[in-house]
Amino acid sequence: MRYFLPAYFIVSALTVFVLRTYLVGARTGINPVAEKWRDDVRGYIARWLVVLAILVIVNITLFALDAQAYRWLLPMAGLETTAVQAVAVVLLVTSLVWIAVAQAQMGDSWRIGIDPDTKTTLVSQGVFTVSRNPIFLGMRITLAGLFLANPNVLSLLVAVVGDVLIQVQVRVEEQYLESVHGRAYLDYKVRVPRWLLRWPKNEKNKLS
């Protein structure tokens, strides 16, 4: 696991960020990293997601290179088992493949954040037929996998805070998509759950 996690992080960064940013930018001439450091909720989320990414790097680095310093992160020995690590590897690999597939199916509509200057196509095919937010779903699975692969107080904090930020960001982006695509997106919301399973709800709330 000490070798797997650094390798996984590097491959993930190259695959889902560097490569995808290059491909979309080269085809469209538009920088797909649309989120800016605004003084609003979107900017707040963006800043904290960067902080969490840095904490993940610190966590993985200490785990792989400095056992003495890693103890300060308060490892959870009860979860450091072969079975838990196997589950973690399955979650991490599955989430990486899932995110890469979702990004590819988004094509030139893929963005990091909201791009108000360019109206992108509403993607509702492929994995988007089972989840309205498959990339964010993959990110949630990744956070869970990172915690199980390297269980300690810091990785737990990253997983919990990261999940809360993702939940907020999803709702912000869904409001934007609704304002841009109107009835088409409302119909899509009826057909496809936000994640994978739809919570039971009454008729009055069926569009949320």
N, C-alpha and C. Protein backbone atom coordinates (compact mmCIF):
# COMPACT_ATOMS: atom_id res chain seq x y z
N MET A 1 0.82 -1.20 0.00
CA MET A 1 0.00 0.00 0.00
C MET A 1 0.87 1.26 0.00
N ARG A 2 2.04 1.19 0.60
CA ARG A 2 2.93 2.35 0.62
C ARG A 2 3.39 2.73 -0.79
N TYR A 3 3.44 1.76 -1.68
CA TYR A 3 3.81 2.03 -3.07
C TYR A 3 2.57 2.30 -3.92
N PHE A 4 1.47 1.63 -3.59
CA PHE A 4 0.26 1.75 -4.39
C PHE A 4 -0.33 3.15 -4.31
N LEU A 5 -0.42 3.72 -3.11
CA LEU A 5 -1.09 5.02 -2.96
C LEU A 5 -0.37 6.15 -3.72
N PRO A 6 0.96 6.30 -3.60
CA PRO A 6 1.62 7.35 -4.40
C PRO A 6 1.43 7.13 -5.90
N ALA A 7 1.55 5.88 -6.35
CA ALA A 7 1.37 5.58 -7.77
C ALA A 7 -0.06 5.89 -8.21
N TYR A 8 -1.01 5.53 -7.36
CA TYR A 8 -2.42 5.79 -7.68
C TYR A 8 -2.68 7.28 -7.79
N PHE A 9 -2.16 8.06 -6.87
CA PHE A 9 -2.39 9.51 -6.89
C PHE A 9 -1.82 10.13 -8.16
N ILE A 10 -0.61 9.72 -8.53
CA ILE A 10 0.02 10.28 -9.74
C ILE A 10 -0.76 9.91 -10.99
N VAL A 11 -1.13 8.63 -11.11
CA VAL A 11 -1.89 8.18 -12.28
C VAL A 11 -3.24 8.90 -12.34
N SER A 12 -3.90 9.05 -11.21
CA SER A 12 -5.19 9.72 -11.17
C SER A 12 -5.07 11.17 -11.62
N ALA A 13 -4.07 11.88 -11.08
CA ALA A 13 -3.89 13.29 -11.44
C ALA A 13 -3.62 13.45 -12.93
N LEU A 14 -2.78 12.58 -13.46
CA LEU A 14 -2.45 12.66 -14.89
C LEU A 14 -3.66 12.31 -15.76
N THR A 15 -4.44 11.31 -15.33
CA THR A 15 -5.55 10.82 -16.14
C THR A 15 -6.75 11.75 -16.12
N VAL A 16 -7.21 12.09 -14.93
CA VAL A 16 -8.49 12.81 -14.82
C VAL A 16 -8.33 14.33 -14.79
N PHE A 17 -7.11 14.82 -14.64
CA PHE A 17 -6.93 16.28 -14.66
C PHE A 17 -6.04 16.74 -15.81
N VAL A 18 -4.78 16.33 -15.81
CA VAL A 18 -3.83 16.83 -16.81
C VAL A 18 -4.25 16.42 -18.22
N LEU A 19 -4.45 15.13 -18.45
CA LEU A 19 -4.80 14.65 -19.78
C LEU A 19 -6.14 15.19 -20.25
N ARG A 20 -7.16 15.14 -19.37
CA ARG A 20 -8.49 15.59 -19.76
C ARG A 20 -8.49 17.10 -20.05
N THR A 21 -7.77 17.87 -19.23
CA THR A 21 -7.68 19.32 -19.46
C THR A 21 -7.03 19.60 -20.80
N TYR A 22 -5.96 18.88 -21.11
CA TYR A 22 -5.27 19.07 -22.39
C TYR A 22 -6.17 18.72 -23.57
N LEU A 23 -6.84 17.57 -23.50
CA LEU A 23 -7.66 17.12 -24.61
C LEU A 23 -8.81 18.09 -24.91
N VAL A 24 -9.53 18.49 -23.87
CA VAL A 24 -10.66 19.41 -24.08
C VAL A 24 -10.15 20.77 -24.55
N GLY A 25 -9.07 21.25 -23.94
CA GLY A 25 -8.53 22.54 -24.35
C GLY A 25 -8.04 22.53 -25.79
N ALA A 26 -7.40 21.44 -26.20
CA ALA A 26 -6.87 21.34 -27.56
C ALA A 26 -8.00 21.29 -28.59
N ARG A 27 -9.10 20.62 -28.25
CA ARG A 27 -10.21 20.49 -29.21
C ARG A 27 -11.06 21.75 -29.30
N THR A 28 -11.23 22.43 -28.17
CA THR A 28 -12.16 23.56 -28.14
C THR A 28 -11.49 24.92 -28.10
N GLY A 29 -10.22 24.98 -27.70
CA GLY A 29 -9.57 26.26 -27.52
C GLY A 29 -10.01 26.97 -26.26
N ILE A 30 -10.74 26.26 -25.39
CA ILE A 30 -11.26 26.82 -24.14
C ILE A 30 -10.59 26.12 -22.97
N ASN A 31 -10.21 26.90 -21.98
CA ASN A 31 -9.65 26.31 -20.77
C ASN A 31 -10.79 25.69 -19.97
N PRO A 32 -10.80 24.35 -19.82
CA PRO A 32 -11.91 23.71 -19.11
C PRO A 32 -11.88 23.91 -17.60
N VAL A 33 -10.78 24.45 -17.08
CA VAL A 33 -10.73 24.77 -15.65
C VAL A 33 -11.44 26.11 -15.49
N ALA A 34 -12.76 26.04 -15.33
CA ALA A 34 -13.59 27.24 -15.37
C ALA A 34 -13.73 27.92 -14.02
N GLU A 35 -13.50 27.18 -12.94
CA GLU A 35 -13.72 27.76 -11.62
C GLU A 35 -12.62 28.75 -11.28
N LYS A 36 -13.02 29.94 -10.90
CA LYS A 36 -12.06 30.99 -10.52
C LYS A 36 -12.15 31.22 -9.01
N TRP A 37 -11.22 32.02 -8.50
CA TRP A 37 -11.19 32.29 -7.05
C TRP A 37 -12.16 33.40 -6.70
N ARG A 38 -13.45 33.10 -6.90
CA ARG A 38 -14.48 34.10 -6.61
C ARG A 38 -14.70 34.24 -5.11
N ASP A 39 -15.28 35.39 -4.75
CA ASP A 39 -15.61 35.62 -3.35
C ASP A 39 -17.06 35.22 -3.11
N ASP A 40 -17.36 33.95 -3.36
CA ASP A 40 -18.71 33.43 -3.16
C ASP A 40 -18.60 31.97 -2.77
N VAL A 41 -19.74 31.28 -2.71
CA VAL A 41 -19.71 29.89 -2.25
C VAL A 41 -18.89 29.01 -3.17
N ARG A 42 -18.93 29.28 -4.48
CA ARG A 42 -18.14 28.47 -5.42
C ARG A 42 -16.65 28.65 -5.19
N GLY A 43 -16.24 29.91 -4.98
CA GLY A 43 -14.83 30.15 -4.70
C GLY A 43 -14.39 29.54 -3.38
N TYR A 44 -15.28 29.59 -2.40
CA TYR A 44 -15.00 29.00 -1.09
C TYR A 44 -14.78 27.49 -1.23
N ILE A 45 -15.66 26.83 -1.96
CA ILE A 45 -15.54 25.39 -2.16
C ILE A 45 -14.26 25.06 -2.90
N ALA A 46 -13.96 25.84 -3.94
CA ALA A 46 -12.76 25.59 -4.74
C ALA A 46 -11.50 25.69 -3.88
N ARG A 47 -11.45 26.70 -3.03
CA ARG A 47 -10.28 26.86 -2.16
C ARG A 47 -10.11 25.66 -1.23
N TRP A 48 -11.21 25.22 -0.64
CA TRP A 48 -11.12 24.13 0.31
C TRP A 48 -10.83 22.80 -0.37
N LEU A 49 -11.29 22.63 -1.60
CA LEU A 49 -10.94 21.40 -2.32
C LEU A 49 -9.45 21.34 -2.62
N VAL A 50 -8.86 22.50 -2.90
CA VAL A 50 -7.40 22.55 -3.10
C VAL A 50 -6.68 22.21 -1.80
N VAL A 51 -7.16 22.76 -0.69
CA VAL A 51 -6.57 22.45 0.62
C VAL A 51 -6.65 20.95 0.90
N LEU A 52 -7.80 20.35 0.62
CA LEU A 52 -7.95 18.92 0.87
C LEU A 52 -7.02 18.10 -0.01
N ALA A 53 -6.84 18.53 -1.26
CA ALA A 53 -5.90 17.82 -2.15
C ALA A 53 -4.49 17.87 -1.59
N ILE A 54 -4.10 19.02 -1.04
CA ILE A 54 -2.77 19.15 -0.43
C ILE A 54 -2.66 18.24 0.78
N LEU A 55 -3.72 18.17 1.59
CA LEU A 55 -3.70 17.29 2.76
C LEU A 55 -3.59 15.82 2.36
N VAL A 56 -4.22 15.45 1.25
CA VAL A 56 -4.10 14.08 0.74
C VAL A 56 -2.65 13.79 0.38
N ILE A 57 -2.01 14.74 -0.29
CA ILE A 57 -0.61 14.57 -0.67
C ILE A 57 0.27 14.41 0.58
N VAL A 58 0.03 15.26 1.58
CA VAL A 58 0.80 15.17 2.83
C VAL A 58 0.59 13.82 3.50
N ASN A 59 -0.67 13.39 3.54
CA ASN A 59 -1.02 12.12 4.17
C ASN A 59 -0.32 10.95 3.49
N ILE A 60 -0.40 10.91 2.17
CA ILE A 60 0.20 9.81 1.42
C ILE A 60 1.73 9.84 1.55
N THR A 61 2.30 11.04 1.51
CA THR A 61 3.76 11.17 1.59
C THR A 61 4.29 10.68 2.94
N LEU A 62 3.64 11.09 4.03
CA LEU A 62 4.08 10.65 5.35
C LEU A 62 3.91 9.13 5.50
N PHE A 63 2.79 8.62 4.98
CA PHE A 63 2.53 7.19 5.07
C PHE A 63 3.59 6.39 4.34
N ALA A 64 4.03 6.91 3.18
CA ALA A 64 4.97 6.16 2.35
C ALA A 64 6.42 6.34 2.78
N LEU A 65 6.76 7.52 3.33
CA LEU A 65 8.17 7.83 3.53
C LEU A 65 8.62 8.04 4.97
N ASP A 66 7.69 8.37 5.87
CA ASP A 66 8.13 8.73 7.23
C ASP A 66 7.19 8.11 8.26
N ALA A 67 7.51 6.89 8.67
CA ALA A 67 6.65 6.18 9.62
C ALA A 67 6.57 6.90 10.96
N GLN A 68 7.67 7.55 11.35
CA GLN A 68 7.69 8.24 12.63
C GLN A 68 6.72 9.42 12.63
N ALA A 69 6.79 10.24 11.60
CA ALA A 69 5.90 11.40 11.50
C ALA A 69 4.45 10.96 11.27
N TYR A 70 4.27 9.84 10.57
CA TYR A 70 2.92 9.36 10.27
C TYR A 70 2.14 9.06 11.55
N ARG A 71 2.83 8.68 12.61
CA ARG A 71 2.14 8.36 13.86
C ARG A 71 1.38 9.57 14.42
N TRP A 72 1.84 10.76 14.06
CA TRP A 72 1.16 11.96 14.54
C TRP A 72 -0.23 12.12 13.92
N LEU A 73 -0.51 11.39 12.85
CA LEU A 73 -1.83 11.45 12.22
C LEU A 73 -2.82 10.50 12.88
N LEU A 74 -2.39 9.83 13.93
CA LEU A 74 -3.23 8.92 14.72
C LEU A 74 -3.87 7.83 13.87
N PRO A 75 -3.05 6.89 13.39
CA PRO A 75 -3.57 5.77 12.59
C PRO A 75 -4.60 4.95 13.37
N MET A 76 -5.59 4.42 12.65
CA MET A 76 -6.63 3.59 13.25
C MET A 76 -6.26 2.14 13.03
N ALA A 77 -5.54 1.56 13.98
CA ALA A 77 -4.97 0.23 13.83
C ALA A 77 -6.03 -0.83 13.55
N GLY A 78 -7.23 -0.65 14.08
CA GLY A 78 -8.28 -1.64 13.89
C GLY A 78 -8.73 -1.79 12.45
N LEU A 79 -8.46 -0.77 11.63
CA LEU A 79 -8.85 -0.83 10.21
C LEU A 79 -7.68 -1.20 9.30
N GLU A 80 -6.51 -1.34 9.87
CA GLU A 80 -5.33 -1.66 9.05
C GLU A 80 -5.21 -3.17 8.87
N THR A 81 -6.16 -3.72 8.12
CA THR A 81 -6.18 -5.16 7.86
C THR A 81 -6.11 -5.42 6.36
N THR A 82 -5.76 -6.64 6.01
CA THR A 82 -5.67 -7.01 4.60
C THR A 82 -7.02 -6.89 3.90
N ALA A 83 -8.09 -7.31 4.59
CA ALA A 83 -9.43 -7.25 4.00
C ALA A 83 -9.84 -5.82 3.71
N VAL A 84 -9.60 -4.91 4.66
CA VAL A 84 -9.97 -3.50 4.47
C VAL A 84 -9.15 -2.89 3.34
N GLN A 85 -7.88 -3.22 3.27
CA GLN A 85 -7.04 -2.70 2.20
C GLN A 85 -7.47 -3.22 0.84
N ALA A 86 -7.93 -4.47 0.79
CA ALA A 86 -8.44 -5.02 -0.46
C ALA A 86 -9.68 -4.26 -0.93
N VAL A 87 -10.57 -3.97 0.01
CA VAL A 87 -11.76 -3.18 -0.32
C VAL A 87 -11.35 -1.80 -0.82
N ALA A 88 -10.36 -1.20 -0.16
CA ALA A 88 -9.89 0.12 -0.54
C ALA A 88 -9.36 0.13 -1.97
N VAL A 89 -8.57 -0.87 -2.32
CA VAL A 89 -8.02 -0.94 -3.68
C VAL A 89 -9.13 -1.07 -4.70
N VAL A 90 -10.13 -1.91 -4.41
CA VAL A 90 -11.26 -2.07 -5.34
C VAL A 90 -12.00 -0.74 -5.52
N LEU A 91 -12.25 -0.03 -4.42
CA LEU A 91 -12.95 1.25 -4.50
C LEU A 91 -12.14 2.28 -5.30
N LEU A 92 -10.85 2.34 -5.05
CA LEU A 92 -10.01 3.33 -5.71
C LEU A 92 -9.89 3.06 -7.21
N VAL A 93 -9.65 1.82 -7.57
CA VAL A 93 -9.52 1.49 -8.99
C VAL A 93 -10.86 1.69 -9.71
N THR A 94 -11.94 1.23 -9.07
CA THR A 94 -13.26 1.37 -9.67
C THR A 94 -13.62 2.84 -9.87
N SER A 95 -13.34 3.67 -8.87
CA SER A 95 -13.69 5.09 -8.98
C SER A 95 -12.87 5.78 -10.06
N LEU A 96 -11.61 5.41 -10.19
CA LEU A 96 -10.77 6.02 -11.23
C LEU A 96 -11.30 5.68 -12.62
N VAL A 97 -11.61 4.42 -12.84
CA VAL A 97 -12.15 4.00 -14.14
C VAL A 97 -13.49 4.68 -14.40
N TRP A 98 -14.35 4.71 -13.37
CA TRP A 98 -15.67 5.33 -13.50
C TRP A 98 -15.56 6.81 -13.86
N ILE A 99 -14.68 7.54 -13.18
CA ILE A 99 -14.50 8.97 -13.46
C ILE A 99 -13.96 9.18 -14.87
N ALA A 100 -12.99 8.38 -15.26
CA ALA A 100 -12.40 8.52 -16.60
C ALA A 100 -13.44 8.26 -17.69
N VAL A 101 -14.29 7.26 -17.47
CA VAL A 101 -15.35 6.96 -18.44
C VAL A 101 -16.35 8.11 -18.51
N ALA A 102 -16.75 8.63 -17.35
CA ALA A 102 -17.71 9.74 -17.32
C ALA A 102 -17.14 10.98 -18.00
N GLN A 103 -15.87 11.27 -17.77
CA GLN A 103 -15.25 12.42 -18.41
C GLN A 103 -15.22 12.24 -19.93
N ALA A 104 -14.86 11.04 -20.37
CA ALA A 104 -14.81 10.77 -21.81
C ALA A 104 -16.20 10.93 -22.44
N GLN A 105 -17.23 10.47 -21.73
CA GLN A 105 -18.59 10.58 -22.26
C GLN A 105 -19.10 12.03 -22.24
N MET A 106 -18.57 12.86 -21.36
CA MET A 106 -18.91 14.28 -21.39
C MET A 106 -18.29 14.97 -22.59
N GLY A 107 -17.16 14.45 -23.06
CA GLY A 107 -16.52 15.04 -24.23
C GLY A 107 -16.12 16.49 -23.99
N ASP A 108 -16.47 17.36 -24.94
CA ASP A 108 -16.08 18.76 -24.84
C ASP A 108 -16.94 19.55 -23.86
N SER A 109 -17.94 18.91 -23.26
CA SER A 109 -18.75 19.58 -22.24
C SER A 109 -18.11 19.52 -20.86
N TRP A 110 -17.03 18.76 -20.74
CA TRP A 110 -16.39 18.61 -19.42
C TRP A 110 -15.77 19.92 -18.96
N ARG A 111 -16.06 20.28 -17.72
CA ARG A 111 -15.48 21.47 -17.11
C ARG A 111 -15.17 21.18 -15.65
N ILE A 112 -14.21 21.91 -15.11
CA ILE A 112 -14.01 21.93 -13.67
C ILE A 112 -14.67 23.20 -13.17
N GLY A 113 -15.81 23.06 -12.52
CA GLY A 113 -16.57 24.22 -12.09
C GLY A 113 -17.59 24.64 -13.13
N ILE A 114 -18.12 25.82 -12.96
CA ILE A 114 -19.17 26.35 -13.83
C ILE A 114 -18.57 27.34 -14.81
N ASP A 115 -18.89 27.14 -16.09
CA ASP A 115 -18.40 28.02 -17.15
C ASP A 115 -19.57 28.84 -17.69
N PRO A 116 -19.84 30.03 -17.14
CA PRO A 116 -20.99 30.81 -17.58
C PRO A 116 -20.82 31.43 -18.96
N ASP A 117 -19.60 31.41 -19.49
CA ASP A 117 -19.34 32.05 -20.79
C ASP A 117 -19.60 31.12 -21.97
N THR A 118 -19.73 29.83 -21.71
CA THR A 118 -19.94 28.86 -22.79
C THR A 118 -21.07 27.92 -22.42
N LYS A 119 -22.09 27.85 -23.27
CA LYS A 119 -23.19 26.92 -23.02
C LYS A 119 -22.80 25.55 -23.55
N THR A 120 -22.59 24.62 -22.65
CA THR A 120 -22.21 23.27 -23.04
C THR A 120 -23.45 22.40 -23.24
N THR A 121 -23.26 21.31 -23.95
CA THR A 121 -24.36 20.38 -24.22
C THR A 121 -24.73 19.62 -22.95
N LEU A 122 -26.03 19.40 -22.74
CA LEU A 122 -26.48 18.59 -21.61
C LEU A 122 -26.23 17.12 -21.95
N VAL A 123 -25.34 16.49 -21.20
CA VAL A 123 -24.99 15.09 -21.43
C VAL A 123 -25.91 14.20 -20.60
N SER A 124 -26.58 13.27 -21.26
CA SER A 124 -27.52 12.39 -20.55
C SER A 124 -27.41 10.95 -21.02
N GLN A 125 -26.29 10.61 -21.64
CA GLN A 125 -26.08 9.26 -22.15
C GLN A 125 -25.00 8.55 -21.33
N GLY A 126 -24.83 7.24 -21.61
CA GLY A 126 -23.79 6.47 -20.93
C GLY A 126 -24.04 6.38 -19.44
N VAL A 127 -23.00 6.64 -18.65
CA VAL A 127 -23.16 6.54 -17.19
C VAL A 127 -24.08 7.63 -16.66
N PHE A 128 -24.33 8.64 -17.47
CA PHE A 128 -25.24 9.72 -17.06
C PHE A 128 -26.70 9.28 -17.11
N THR A 129 -26.95 8.06 -17.55
CA THR A 129 -28.31 7.52 -17.50
C THR A 129 -28.62 6.90 -16.14
N VAL A 130 -27.59 6.69 -15.33
CA VAL A 130 -27.81 6.09 -14.01
C VAL A 130 -27.45 7.06 -12.87
N SER A 131 -26.74 8.14 -13.20
CA SER A 131 -26.37 9.12 -12.18
C SER A 131 -26.26 10.48 -12.85
N ARG A 132 -26.87 11.51 -12.23
CA ARG A 132 -26.75 12.86 -12.78
C ARG A 132 -25.36 13.43 -12.56
N ASN A 133 -24.65 12.90 -11.59
CA ASN A 133 -23.34 13.44 -11.23
C ASN A 133 -22.30 12.32 -11.07
N PRO A 134 -22.04 11.58 -12.14
CA PRO A 134 -21.16 10.41 -11.99
C PRO A 134 -19.73 10.77 -11.60
N ILE A 135 -19.22 11.93 -12.04
CA ILE A 135 -17.86 12.30 -11.67
C ILE A 135 -17.77 12.61 -10.19
N PHE A 136 -18.73 13.37 -9.68
CA PHE A 136 -18.74 13.65 -8.24
C PHE A 136 -18.98 12.37 -7.44
N LEU A 137 -19.79 11.47 -7.97
CA LEU A 137 -20.00 10.19 -7.30
C LEU A 137 -18.68 9.43 -7.22
N GLY A 138 -17.93 9.44 -8.31
CA GLY A 138 -16.62 8.80 -8.30
C GLY A 138 -15.67 9.43 -7.29
N MET A 139 -15.74 10.75 -7.16
CA MET A 139 -14.90 11.45 -6.18
C MET A 139 -15.26 11.03 -4.76
N ARG A 140 -16.55 10.86 -4.49
CA ARG A 140 -16.97 10.42 -3.15
C ARG A 140 -16.44 9.02 -2.85
N ILE A 141 -16.48 8.16 -3.86
CA ILE A 141 -15.96 6.80 -3.69
C ILE A 141 -14.45 6.85 -3.48
N THR A 142 -13.77 7.73 -4.20
CA THR A 142 -12.32 7.88 -4.03
C THR A 142 -11.98 8.30 -2.61
N LEU A 143 -12.73 9.25 -2.06
CA LEU A 143 -12.48 9.70 -0.68
C LEU A 143 -12.63 8.54 0.31
N ALA A 144 -13.67 7.73 0.11
CA ALA A 144 -13.88 6.58 0.98
C ALA A 144 -12.73 5.58 0.83
N GLY A 145 -12.30 5.36 -0.41
CA GLY A 145 -11.21 4.44 -0.66
C GLY A 145 -9.90 4.90 -0.06
N LEU A 146 -9.62 6.20 -0.15
CA LEU A 146 -8.39 6.74 0.43
C LEU A 146 -8.39 6.59 1.95
N PHE A 147 -9.54 6.79 2.56
CA PHE A 147 -9.61 6.62 4.01
C PHE A 147 -9.35 5.17 4.40
N LEU A 148 -9.98 4.22 3.71
CA LEU A 148 -9.80 2.81 4.05
C LEU A 148 -8.39 2.33 3.74
N ALA A 149 -7.77 2.89 2.70
CA ALA A 149 -6.41 2.49 2.35
C ALA A 149 -5.40 3.01 3.35
N ASN A 150 -5.73 4.14 3.97
CA ASN A 150 -4.79 4.80 4.86
C ASN A 150 -5.57 5.40 6.03
N PRO A 151 -6.16 4.54 6.89
CA PRO A 151 -7.08 5.03 7.92
C PRO A 151 -6.38 5.75 9.07
N ASN A 152 -6.65 7.03 9.18
CA ASN A 152 -6.15 7.83 10.29
C ASN A 152 -7.06 9.04 10.45
N VAL A 153 -6.80 9.84 11.45
CA VAL A 153 -7.68 10.98 11.73
C VAL A 153 -7.69 11.98 10.58
N LEU A 154 -6.54 12.24 9.98
CA LEU A 154 -6.48 13.20 8.88
C LEU A 154 -7.26 12.71 7.66
N SER A 155 -7.08 11.44 7.29
CA SER A 155 -7.79 10.93 6.12
C SER A 155 -9.29 10.86 6.36
N LEU A 156 -9.70 10.62 7.61
CA LEU A 156 -11.12 10.65 7.95
C LEU A 156 -11.67 12.07 7.81
N LEU A 157 -10.91 13.05 8.31
CA LEU A 157 -11.33 14.45 8.20
C LEU A 157 -11.45 14.87 6.74
N VAL A 158 -10.48 14.48 5.92
CA VAL A 158 -10.52 14.80 4.49
C VAL A 158 -11.76 14.18 3.84
N ALA A 159 -12.05 12.93 4.18
CA ALA A 159 -13.20 12.24 3.59
C ALA A 159 -14.51 12.92 3.96
N VAL A 160 -14.66 13.28 5.23
CA VAL A 160 -15.91 13.89 5.70
C VAL A 160 -16.09 15.29 5.12
N VAL A 161 -15.06 16.13 5.25
CA VAL A 161 -15.16 17.50 4.75
C VAL A 161 -15.30 17.50 3.23
N GLY A 162 -14.55 16.64 2.56
CA GLY A 162 -14.64 16.54 1.11
C GLY A 162 -16.03 16.16 0.65
N ASP A 163 -16.66 15.23 1.35
CA ASP A 163 -18.00 14.80 0.97
C ASP A 163 -19.01 15.94 1.15
N VAL A 164 -18.86 16.70 2.23
CA VAL A 164 -19.76 17.84 2.45
C VAL A 164 -19.59 18.87 1.34
N LEU A 165 -18.35 19.18 0.98
CA LEU A 165 -18.11 20.15 -0.08
C LEU A 165 -18.67 19.67 -1.42
N ILE A 166 -18.53 18.39 -1.70
CA ILE A 166 -19.07 17.84 -2.94
C ILE A 166 -20.59 17.95 -2.95
N GLN A 167 -21.22 17.66 -1.83
CA GLN A 167 -22.68 17.75 -1.74
C GLN A 167 -23.16 19.17 -2.06
N VAL A 168 -22.45 20.17 -1.53
CA VAL A 168 -22.82 21.56 -1.78
C VAL A 168 -22.56 21.93 -3.24
N GLN A 169 -21.39 21.56 -3.76
CA GLN A 169 -21.02 21.90 -5.13
C GLN A 169 -22.01 21.30 -6.13
N VAL A 170 -22.43 20.07 -5.88
CA VAL A 170 -23.39 19.42 -6.78
C VAL A 170 -24.68 20.22 -6.87
N ARG A 171 -25.17 20.69 -5.75
CA ARG A 171 -26.41 21.45 -5.74
C ARG A 171 -26.27 22.80 -6.43
N VAL A 172 -25.10 23.42 -6.27
CA VAL A 172 -24.84 24.68 -6.97
C VAL A 172 -24.83 24.46 -8.48
N GLU A 173 -24.15 23.40 -8.92
CA GLU A 173 -24.06 23.13 -10.35
C GLU A 173 -25.41 22.71 -10.93
N GLU A 174 -26.20 21.98 -10.15
CA GLU A 174 -27.52 21.58 -10.65
C GLU A 174 -28.43 22.80 -10.82
N GLN A 175 -28.34 23.77 -9.93
CA GLN A 175 -29.11 24.99 -10.10
C GLN A 175 -28.70 25.72 -11.37
N TYR A 176 -27.40 25.75 -11.63
CA TYR A 176 -26.91 26.39 -12.85
C TYR A 176 -27.42 25.66 -14.10
N LEU A 177 -27.31 24.34 -14.11
CA LEU A 177 -27.77 23.56 -15.26
C LEU A 177 -29.27 23.75 -15.50
N GLU A 178 -30.02 23.85 -14.43
CA GLU A 178 -31.46 24.07 -14.57
C GLU A 178 -31.74 25.44 -15.19
N SER A 179 -30.96 26.45 -14.80
CA SER A 179 -31.17 27.78 -15.35
C SER A 179 -30.77 27.85 -16.82
N VAL A 180 -29.80 27.03 -17.23
CA VAL A 180 -29.32 27.06 -18.61
C VAL A 180 -30.16 26.18 -19.53
N HIS A 181 -30.50 24.97 -19.07
CA HIS A 181 -31.16 24.00 -19.94
C HIS A 181 -32.67 23.90 -19.71
N GLY A 182 -33.17 24.52 -18.66
CA GLY A 182 -34.61 24.60 -18.44
C GLY A 182 -35.31 23.27 -18.36
N ARG A 183 -36.37 23.11 -19.15
CA ARG A 183 -37.22 21.92 -19.11
C ARG A 183 -36.44 20.65 -19.40
N ALA A 184 -35.45 20.72 -20.27
CA ALA A 184 -34.68 19.52 -20.60
C ALA A 184 -33.99 18.97 -19.35
N TYR A 185 -33.46 19.87 -18.53
CA TYR A 185 -32.79 19.40 -17.32
C TYR A 185 -33.80 18.96 -16.26
N LEU A 186 -34.93 19.63 -16.17
CA LEU A 186 -35.96 19.22 -15.23
C LEU A 186 -36.45 17.81 -15.55
N ASP A 187 -36.65 17.53 -16.84
CA ASP A 187 -37.06 16.18 -17.25
C ASP A 187 -35.97 15.16 -16.92
N TYR A 188 -34.73 15.57 -17.11
CA TYR A 188 -33.59 14.69 -16.79
C TYR A 188 -33.55 14.39 -15.30
N LYS A 189 -33.83 15.38 -14.47
CA LYS A 189 -33.84 15.18 -13.02
C LYS A 189 -34.91 14.18 -12.61
N VAL A 190 -36.01 14.16 -13.31
CA VAL A 190 -37.08 13.21 -13.00
C VAL A 190 -36.64 11.79 -13.33
N ARG A 191 -35.92 11.63 -14.45
CA ARG A 191 -35.54 10.30 -14.92
C ARG A 191 -34.37 9.70 -14.15
N VAL A 192 -33.41 10.53 -13.76
CA VAL A 192 -32.14 10.02 -13.25
C VAL A 192 -31.87 10.57 -11.85
N PRO A 193 -31.48 9.71 -10.90
CA PRO A 193 -31.19 10.19 -9.53
C PRO A 193 -29.90 11.00 -9.48
N ARG A 194 -29.76 11.78 -8.43
CA ARG A 194 -28.56 12.61 -8.26
C ARG A 194 -27.31 11.75 -8.16
N TRP A 195 -27.39 10.64 -7.42
CA TRP A 195 -26.24 9.76 -7.27
C TRP A 195 -26.52 8.47 -8.00
N LEU A 196 -26.88 7.40 -7.30
CA LEU A 196 -27.27 6.16 -7.96
C LEU A 196 -28.66 5.72 -7.52
N LEU A 197 -28.97 5.97 -6.25
CA LEU A 197 -30.26 5.60 -5.69
C LEU A 197 -31.03 6.87 -5.37
N ARG A 198 -32.32 6.83 -5.57
CA ARG A 198 -33.15 7.98 -5.28
C ARG A 198 -33.88 7.76 -3.97
N TRP A 199 -33.75 8.73 -3.06
CA TRP A 199 -34.46 8.64 -1.80
C TRP A 199 -35.96 8.73 -2.05
N PRO A 200 -36.76 7.92 -1.35
CA PRO A 200 -38.21 8.02 -1.51
C PRO A 200 -38.68 9.41 -1.15
N LYS A 201 -39.56 9.96 -1.96
CA LYS A 201 -40.07 11.30 -1.68
C LYS A 201 -41.47 11.42 -2.24
N ASN A 202 -42.21 12.39 -1.74
CA ASN A 202 -43.60 12.55 -2.18
C ASN A 202 -43.65 13.28 -3.52
N GLU A 203 -44.84 13.37 -4.07
CA GLU A 203 -45.01 13.94 -5.39
C GLU A 203 -44.61 15.42 -5.43
N LYS A 204 -44.82 16.14 -4.33
CA LYS A 204 -44.51 17.55 -4.31
C LYS A 204 -43.02 17.81 -4.51
N ASN A 205 -42.17 16.83 -4.10
CA ASN A 205 -40.72 17.03 -4.17
C ASN A 205 -40.06 16.19 -5.24
N LYS A 206 -40.81 15.68 -6.18
CA LYS A 206 -40.25 14.70 -7.11
C LYS A 206 -39.19 15.29 -8.04
N LEU A 207 -39.16 16.61 -8.20
CA LEU A 207 -38.17 17.21 -9.08
C LEU A 207 -36.87 17.56 -8.36
N SER A 208 -36.81 17.35 -7.08
CA SER A 208 -35.60 17.72 -6.34
C SER A 208 -34.74 16.51 -6.03
